[in-house]
């Protein structure tokens, strides 16, 4: 019993959802001593859903491995390639299978926001009913703890990440890039760029009219439907936030300026073409900027917000990149002063 309590204490000691799957796998590896233990999440949409490994540990391994969160997912196995794992996911119940030399136990992992998944435990001997109950209890704690994180980190209406999580996510992204092979470590890096990440500010045009003409309940429905459009328009690894009111933010990864602008343009077009109940057509003004090395959340947001302001005052229902507006002479980039203190 003391070992289980220690595992639960370890599991709930982290408030970073990106390492929760890893922590769960490590805890169950120590508890069960399996041949391997893995967590797989179903990603993608429609008929092209695939298995992504979020954490995997084999016997004797000390560091979990996982599939990359970015890049092409076509190399990942489709769901149907692993029928036992898929049956667990679809039926949301424990599933067992066996071969000549090993036993496999699948436990469902249900998540409202991070994608449903499966915990896969491979052992030499069958997991006993008592051990199954222990694992199931740990997974309930895991699920409940995820719910507490969601309550503190997500907007209650849309389910998107809330504003207070933005700064931490932004700075964590920069820390990851600083150690990446592509980071430029020479000279003054303040004016270098990280071309793979973009920040977009998304603002609903004339949202006050929606609330005034149709009421706040219909206004909330517009916000909820837009959040669903955002989830379908962006990719699984993009981070989506509601900043409050009619303002949303997206942190995305793209390999070129043109592709980043196309991603935001796709959202604008999808929203324009969508028939919102009672309201009809709703349009968006979107501004985006490339995230730079040693950027701050406030500085990047300010650049994207200036691009939104330009769109609002030049007809609305548009997408503009801050750097393109500066290059065209529509905006002037202010010189940032070096400072050891950043205020947000």
Protein backbone atom coordinates (compact mmCIF):
# COMPACT_ATOMS: atom_id res chain seq x y z
CA UNK A 1 0.00 0.00 0.00
CA UNK A 2 2.83 2.43 0.86
CA UNK A 3 4.30 1.92 -2.62
CA UNK A 4 0.98 2.84 -4.25
CA UNK A 5 0.70 5.97 -2.09
CA UNK A 6 4.22 6.98 -3.10
CA UNK A 7 3.32 6.54 -6.77
CA UNK A 8 0.20 8.68 -6.37
CA UNK A 9 2.22 11.38 -4.60
CA UNK A 10 4.73 11.36 -7.46
CA UNK A 11 1.99 11.46 -10.08
CA UNK A 12 0.16 14.43 -8.57
CA UNK A 13 3.36 16.34 -7.81
CA UNK A 14 3.53 17.83 -11.30
CA UNK A 15 1.37 20.63 -12.64
CA UNK A 16 2.82 20.46 -16.16
CA UNK A 17 0.40 18.44 -18.28
CA UNK A 18 3.16 17.81 -20.86
CA UNK A 19 4.97 15.51 -18.42
CA UNK A 20 1.95 13.83 -16.83
CA UNK A 21 1.90 10.92 -19.29
CA UNK A 22 5.64 10.42 -18.72
CA UNK A 23 5.18 10.47 -14.95
CA UNK A 24 2.35 7.92 -15.15
CA UNK A 25 4.43 5.54 -17.25
CA UNK A 26 7.39 5.78 -14.87
CA UNK A 27 5.16 5.15 -11.86
CA UNK A 28 3.58 2.04 -13.39
CA UNK A 29 6.98 0.76 -14.54
CA UNK A 30 8.20 0.87 -10.95
CA UNK A 31 4.97 -0.63 -9.60
CA UNK A 32 4.51 -3.54 -12.04
CA UNK A 33 8.01 -4.17 -13.45
CA UNK A 34 6.55 -4.94 -16.92
CA UNK A 35 8.37 -5.72 -20.15
CA UNK A 36 7.18 -2.33 -21.35
CA UNK A 37 4.52 0.24 -20.54
CA UNK A 38 3.27 2.85 -22.99
CA UNK A 39 0.65 5.55 -23.45
CA UNK A 40 -0.82 6.11 -26.92
CA UNK A 41 -3.08 8.99 -27.87
CA UNK A 42 -5.40 9.03 -30.88
CA UNK A 43 -4.63 12.10 -32.98
CA UNK A 44 -5.87 13.39 -36.33
CA UNK A 45 -9.43 13.60 -37.52
CA UNK A 46 -11.97 11.61 -39.50
CA UNK A 47 -10.66 8.50 -41.20
CA UNK A 48 -7.02 9.56 -40.77
CA UNK A 49 -6.66 9.10 -37.03
CA UNK A 50 -3.35 7.64 -35.92
CA UNK A 51 -1.59 6.37 -32.81
CA UNK A 52 0.93 8.76 -31.28
CA UNK A 53 3.18 7.47 -28.52
CA UNK A 54 3.17 9.99 -25.66
CA UNK A 55 5.40 7.94 -23.37
CA UNK A 56 7.10 4.55 -23.65
CA UNK A 57 9.45 2.68 -21.32
CA UNK A 58 10.92 -0.73 -21.86
CA UNK A 59 12.46 -2.96 -19.21
CA UNK A 60 15.83 -1.58 -18.17
CA UNK A 61 15.25 1.82 -19.79
CA UNK A 62 15.67 4.86 -17.57
CA UNK A 63 14.35 7.59 -19.86
CA UNK A 64 10.89 7.46 -21.50
CA UNK A 65 10.62 8.05 -25.24
CA UNK A 66 7.78 9.59 -27.25
CA UNK A 67 6.83 10.56 -30.79
CA UNK A 68 7.53 14.15 -31.78
CA UNK A 69 4.62 16.55 -31.30
CA UNK A 70 5.47 18.38 -34.50
CA UNK A 71 5.89 17.42 -38.11
CA UNK A 72 4.12 15.07 -40.49
CA UNK A 73 1.96 12.41 -38.84
CA UNK A 74 1.66 10.20 -41.94
CA UNK A 75 4.41 7.89 -40.64
CA UNK A 76 2.42 7.10 -37.50
CA UNK A 77 0.38 3.85 -37.52
CA UNK A 78 -3.37 4.15 -38.24
CA UNK A 79 -5.72 3.11 -35.45
CA UNK A 80 -6.85 -0.05 -37.25
CA UNK A 81 -3.29 -1.40 -37.30
CA UNK A 82 -3.61 -2.30 -33.61
CA UNK A 83 -7.10 -3.81 -33.16
CA UNK A 84 -6.78 -4.71 -29.45
CA UNK A 85 -5.69 -1.18 -28.63
CA UNK A 86 -8.48 0.23 -30.79
CA UNK A 87 -11.11 -1.97 -29.12
CA UNK A 88 -10.07 -0.61 -25.73
CA UNK A 89 -10.35 2.94 -27.02
CA UNK A 90 -13.74 2.44 -28.65
CA UNK A 91 -15.37 0.45 -25.86
CA UNK A 92 -13.67 2.38 -23.08
CA UNK A 93 -13.03 -0.78 -21.12
CA UNK A 94 -10.07 -2.90 -20.06
CA UNK A 95 -8.97 -5.40 -22.70
CA UNK A 96 -6.57 -8.35 -22.34
CA UNK A 97 -4.70 -10.35 -24.96
CA UNK A 98 -1.93 -12.94 -24.90
CA UNK A 99 0.72 -14.48 -27.12
CA UNK A 100 3.05 -17.41 -26.57
CA UNK A 101 5.51 -15.42 -24.48
CA UNK A 102 3.74 -12.33 -23.11
CA UNK A 103 0.49 -10.80 -21.92
CA UNK A 104 -0.85 -7.39 -22.89
CA UNK A 105 -3.35 -5.35 -20.92
CA UNK A 106 -4.98 -2.21 -22.31
CA UNK A 107 -6.59 0.40 -20.07
CA UNK A 108 -8.64 3.29 -21.51
CA UNK A 109 -7.48 6.87 -20.90
CA UNK A 110 -10.33 9.31 -21.36
CA UNK A 111 -9.51 12.99 -21.69
CA UNK A 112 -11.86 15.84 -22.56
CA UNK A 113 -9.18 18.06 -24.07
CA UNK A 114 -5.94 16.11 -24.68
CA UNK A 115 -7.38 13.34 -26.85
CA UNK A 116 -8.51 9.92 -25.66
CA UNK A 117 -5.83 7.29 -25.35
CA UNK A 118 -4.81 3.87 -24.15
CA UNK A 119 -2.38 2.68 -21.50
CA UNK A 120 -0.64 -0.48 -22.75
CA UNK A 121 1.14 -2.79 -20.29
CA UNK A 122 3.09 -5.81 -21.57
CA UNK A 123 4.18 -8.42 -19.02
CA UNK A 124 5.61 -11.96 -18.95
CA UNK A 125 2.82 -13.18 -16.70
CA UNK A 126 -0.77 -12.08 -16.57
CA UNK A 127 -1.54 -9.04 -14.43
CA UNK A 128 -3.55 -10.23 -11.44
CA UNK A 129 -7.06 -8.86 -10.77
CA UNK A 130 -5.69 -7.05 -7.71
CA UNK A 131 -3.01 -5.37 -9.83
CA UNK A 132 -5.62 -4.43 -12.43
CA UNK A 133 -7.72 -2.78 -9.75
CA UNK A 134 -4.67 -0.90 -8.48
CA UNK A 135 -3.84 0.38 -11.97
CA UNK A 136 -7.49 1.36 -12.54
CA UNK A 137 -7.50 3.29 -9.25
CA UNK A 138 -4.29 5.12 -10.21
CA UNK A 139 -5.84 6.01 -13.57
CA UNK A 140 -8.90 7.46 -11.81
CA UNK A 141 -6.60 9.67 -9.75
CA UNK A 142 -4.76 10.60 -12.95
CA UNK A 143 -8.05 11.50 -14.65
CA UNK A 144 -9.30 13.52 -11.69
CA UNK A 145 -6.01 15.41 -11.43
CA UNK A 146 -6.20 16.25 -15.13
CA UNK A 147 -9.68 17.62 -14.46
CA UNK A 148 -8.31 19.89 -11.73
CA UNK A 149 -5.63 21.19 -14.11
CA UNK A 150 -8.29 21.80 -16.75
CA UNK A 151 -10.38 23.74 -14.25
CA UNK A 152 -7.47 26.06 -13.45
CA UNK A 153 -5.93 26.33 -16.93
CA UNK A 154 -8.89 26.35 -19.33
CA UNK A 155 -11.61 28.82 -20.20
CA UNK A 156 -14.86 27.54 -18.71
CA UNK A 157 -16.97 28.37 -21.79
CA UNK A 158 -14.82 27.25 -24.73
CA UNK A 159 -12.48 24.73 -23.15
CA UNK A 160 -9.50 26.48 -24.73
CA UNK A 161 -6.48 27.37 -22.61
CA UNK A 162 -6.96 30.56 -20.63
CA UNK A 163 -4.88 33.71 -20.55
CA UNK A 164 -2.97 32.96 -17.37
CA UNK A 165 -1.36 29.88 -18.97
CA UNK A 166 -0.11 31.83 -21.99
CA UNK A 167 3.09 33.35 -20.57
CA UNK A 168 4.33 30.01 -19.20
CA UNK A 169 3.62 28.22 -22.50
CA UNK A 170 5.33 30.96 -24.49
CA UNK A 171 8.48 30.99 -22.36
CA UNK A 172 8.62 27.19 -22.31
CA UNK A 173 8.51 27.21 -26.11
CA UNK A 174 11.49 29.59 -26.20
CA UNK A 175 13.46 27.44 -23.76
CA UNK A 176 12.91 24.43 -25.99
CA UNK A 177 14.12 26.34 -29.04
CA UNK A 178 17.20 27.65 -27.27
CA UNK A 179 18.57 24.12 -27.01
CA UNK A 180 17.47 23.02 -30.48
CA UNK A 181 20.06 22.45 -33.25
CA UNK A 182 18.62 25.35 -35.20
CA UNK A 183 19.19 27.94 -32.50
CA UNK A 184 21.78 30.59 -33.27
CA UNK A 185 24.10 30.76 -30.26
CA UNK A 186 26.53 33.36 -31.55
CA UNK A 187 26.40 37.12 -31.12
CA UNK A 188 23.38 39.17 -30.06
CA UNK A 189 20.39 36.86 -30.37
CA UNK A 190 17.75 39.50 -29.57
CA UNK A 191 17.31 40.28 -33.26
CA UNK A 192 17.60 36.72 -34.50
CA UNK A 193 14.38 34.87 -35.26
CA UNK A 194 12.79 31.52 -34.62
CA UNK A 195 11.04 31.10 -37.98
CA UNK A 196 9.15 27.99 -36.99
CA UNK A 197 6.76 29.55 -34.46
CA UNK A 198 4.06 32.16 -34.91
CA UNK A 199 1.65 33.95 -32.63
CA UNK A 200 -1.76 34.95 -33.97
CA UNK A 201 -4.35 37.23 -32.37
CA UNK A 202 -7.90 36.47 -33.54
CA UNK A 203 -10.66 39.01 -32.98
CA UNK A 204 -14.36 38.65 -33.86
CA UNK A 205 -15.60 41.57 -35.94
CA UNK A 206 -18.51 43.58 -34.48
CA UNK A 207 -18.99 41.14 -31.61
CA UNK A 208 -20.66 43.83 -29.51
CA UNK A 209 -23.43 43.99 -32.12
CA UNK A 210 -24.02 40.26 -31.67
CA UNK A 211 -24.51 40.70 -27.92
CA UNK A 212 -26.62 43.83 -28.37
CA UNK A 213 -28.86 42.41 -31.10
CA UNK A 214 -29.21 38.77 -30.00
CA UNK A 215 -28.26 38.69 -26.33
CA UNK A 216 -25.32 37.31 -24.40
CA UNK A 217 -26.47 33.68 -24.61
CA UNK A 218 -26.24 33.80 -28.41
CA UNK A 219 -22.95 35.66 -28.06
CA UNK A 220 -21.62 32.81 -25.90
CA UNK A 221 -22.79 30.32 -28.53
CA UNK A 222 -20.79 32.21 -31.17
CA UNK A 223 -17.69 32.01 -28.97
CA UNK A 224 -18.21 28.29 -28.39
CA UNK A 225 -18.74 27.53 -32.08
CA UNK A 226 -15.69 29.58 -33.05
CA UNK A 227 -13.57 27.61 -30.58
CA UNK A 228 -14.73 24.40 -32.29
CA UNK A 229 -13.83 25.84 -35.69
CA UNK A 230 -10.39 26.69 -34.34
CA UNK A 231 -9.85 23.12 -33.15
CA UNK A 232 -10.66 21.75 -36.60
CA UNK A 233 -8.64 24.39 -38.42
CA UNK A 234 -5.43 24.12 -36.42
CA UNK A 235 -3.34 21.03 -35.76
CA UNK A 236 -3.20 18.87 -32.66
CA UNK A 237 0.08 20.40 -31.43
CA UNK A 238 -0.97 24.06 -31.87
CA UNK A 239 -1.87 25.85 -28.63
CA UNK A 240 -5.17 27.74 -28.61
CA UNK A 241 -6.24 30.29 -26.02
CA UNK A 242 -9.21 32.46 -25.21
CA UNK A 243 -7.93 35.74 -23.80
CA UNK A 244 -11.35 37.02 -22.82
CA UNK A 245 -14.31 38.59 -24.58
CA UNK A 246 -14.02 38.05 -28.33
CA UNK A 247 -10.22 37.77 -28.38
CA UNK A 248 -8.39 34.51 -29.05
CA UNK A 249 -4.71 33.63 -29.46
CA UNK A 250 -2.96 30.79 -31.28
CA UNK A 251 0.65 29.62 -30.97
CA UNK A 252 1.47 27.59 -34.06
CA UNK A 253 4.48 26.02 -35.74
CA UNK A 254 5.06 26.58 -39.47
CA UNK A 255 8.10 26.21 -41.67
CA UNK A 256 7.59 29.42 -43.70
CA UNK A 257 5.91 32.80 -43.53
CA UNK A 258 3.56 31.98 -46.38
CA UNK A 259 2.38 28.80 -44.68
CA UNK A 260 1.69 30.59 -41.40
CA UNK A 261 -0.42 33.19 -43.17
CA UNK A 262 -2.29 30.40 -44.99
CA UNK A 263 -3.10 28.68 -41.69
CA UNK A 264 -4.74 31.82 -40.32
CA UNK A 265 -6.39 32.57 -43.66
CA UNK A 266 -7.94 29.10 -43.62
CA UNK A 267 -9.54 29.85 -40.25
CA UNK A 268 -10.82 33.22 -41.52
CA UNK A 269 -12.42 31.56 -44.55
CA UNK A 270 -13.97 28.75 -42.49
CA UNK A 271 -15.51 31.23 -40.09
CA UNK A 272 -16.82 33.46 -42.91
CA UNK A 273 -18.46 30.46 -44.60
CA UNK A 274 -20.00 29.05 -41.41
CA UNK A 275 -23.68 29.78 -40.74
CA UNK A 276 -23.94 30.72 -37.07
CA UNK A 277 -27.46 29.99 -35.72
CA UNK A 278 -29.62 33.14 -35.58
CA UNK A 279 -26.59 35.38 -36.20
CA UNK A 280 -25.69 34.23 -39.70
CA UNK A 281 -22.25 35.29 -40.90
CA UNK A 282 -19.44 36.13 -38.49
CA UNK A 283 -16.04 37.38 -39.66
CA UNK A 284 -12.59 37.61 -38.09
CA UNK A 285 -9.75 40.10 -38.11
CA UNK A 286 -6.45 38.29 -37.53
CA UNK A 287 -2.93 39.56 -36.96
CA UNK A 288 0.14 37.38 -36.60
CA UNK A 289 3.86 37.70 -36.01
CA UNK A 290 6.90 35.46 -36.09
CA UNK A 291 8.23 34.64 -32.61
CA UNK A 292 11.79 35.84 -32.20
CA UNK A 293 14.67 34.62 -30.09
CA UNK A 294 14.55 36.12 -26.59
CA UNK A 295 11.08 37.46 -27.36
CA UNK A 296 8.70 38.18 -24.50
CA UNK A 297 5.00 37.26 -24.44
CA UNK A 298 4.07 40.93 -24.20
CA UNK A 299 6.28 42.00 -27.11
CA UNK A 300 5.06 39.27 -29.47
CA UNK A 301 1.42 39.87 -28.54
CA UNK A 302 1.83 43.62 -29.09
CA UNK A 303 3.15 43.08 -32.64
CA UNK A 304 0.29 40.73 -33.56
CA UNK A 305 -2.23 43.08 -31.96
CA UNK A 306 -0.98 45.96 -34.09
CA UNK A 307 -1.62 43.83 -37.18
CA UNK A 308 -5.17 43.17 -35.92
CA UNK A 309 -5.66 46.91 -35.39
CA UNK A 310 -4.59 47.51 -38.99
CA UNK A 311 -7.09 44.90 -40.22
CA UNK A 312 -9.88 46.44 -38.12
CA UNK A 313 -9.28 49.88 -39.60
CA UNK A 314 -8.95 48.71 -43.19
CA UNK A 315 -12.20 46.84 -43.75
CA UNK A 316 -12.04 43.96 -41.23
CA UNK A 317 -12.36 40.27 -42.21
CA UNK A 318 -8.64 40.14 -43.06
CA UNK A 319 -5.39 38.42 -42.10
CA UNK A 320 -2.20 40.45 -41.80
CA UNK A 321 1.34 39.61 -40.73
CA UNK A 322 3.13 42.26 -38.71
CA UNK A 323 6.42 41.84 -40.54
CA UNK A 324 4.72 42.15 -43.94
CA UNK A 325 2.96 45.35 -42.84
CA UNK A 326 6.29 46.82 -41.69
CA UNK A 327 7.95 45.84 -44.97
CA UNK A 328 5.11 47.48 -46.92
CA UNK A 329 5.43 50.67 -44.87
CA UNK A 330 2.02 50.40 -43.18
CA UNK A 331 3.52 49.96 -39.72
CA UNK A 332 6.74 51.11 -38.10
CA UNK A 333 8.59 48.70 -35.84
CA UNK A 334 9.66 50.24 -32.58
CA UNK A 335 13.18 49.55 -31.35
CA UNK A 336 13.03 47.45 -28.21
CA UNK A 337 15.23 48.46 -25.31
CA UNK A 338 17.33 45.83 -23.60
CA UNK A 339 16.17 45.24 -20.05
CA UNK A 340 16.66 42.66 -17.39
CA UNK A 341 13.12 43.17 -16.15
CA UNK A 342 10.02 42.24 -18.15
CA UNK A 343 6.60 43.31 -16.97
CA UNK A 344 3.54 41.49 -18.26
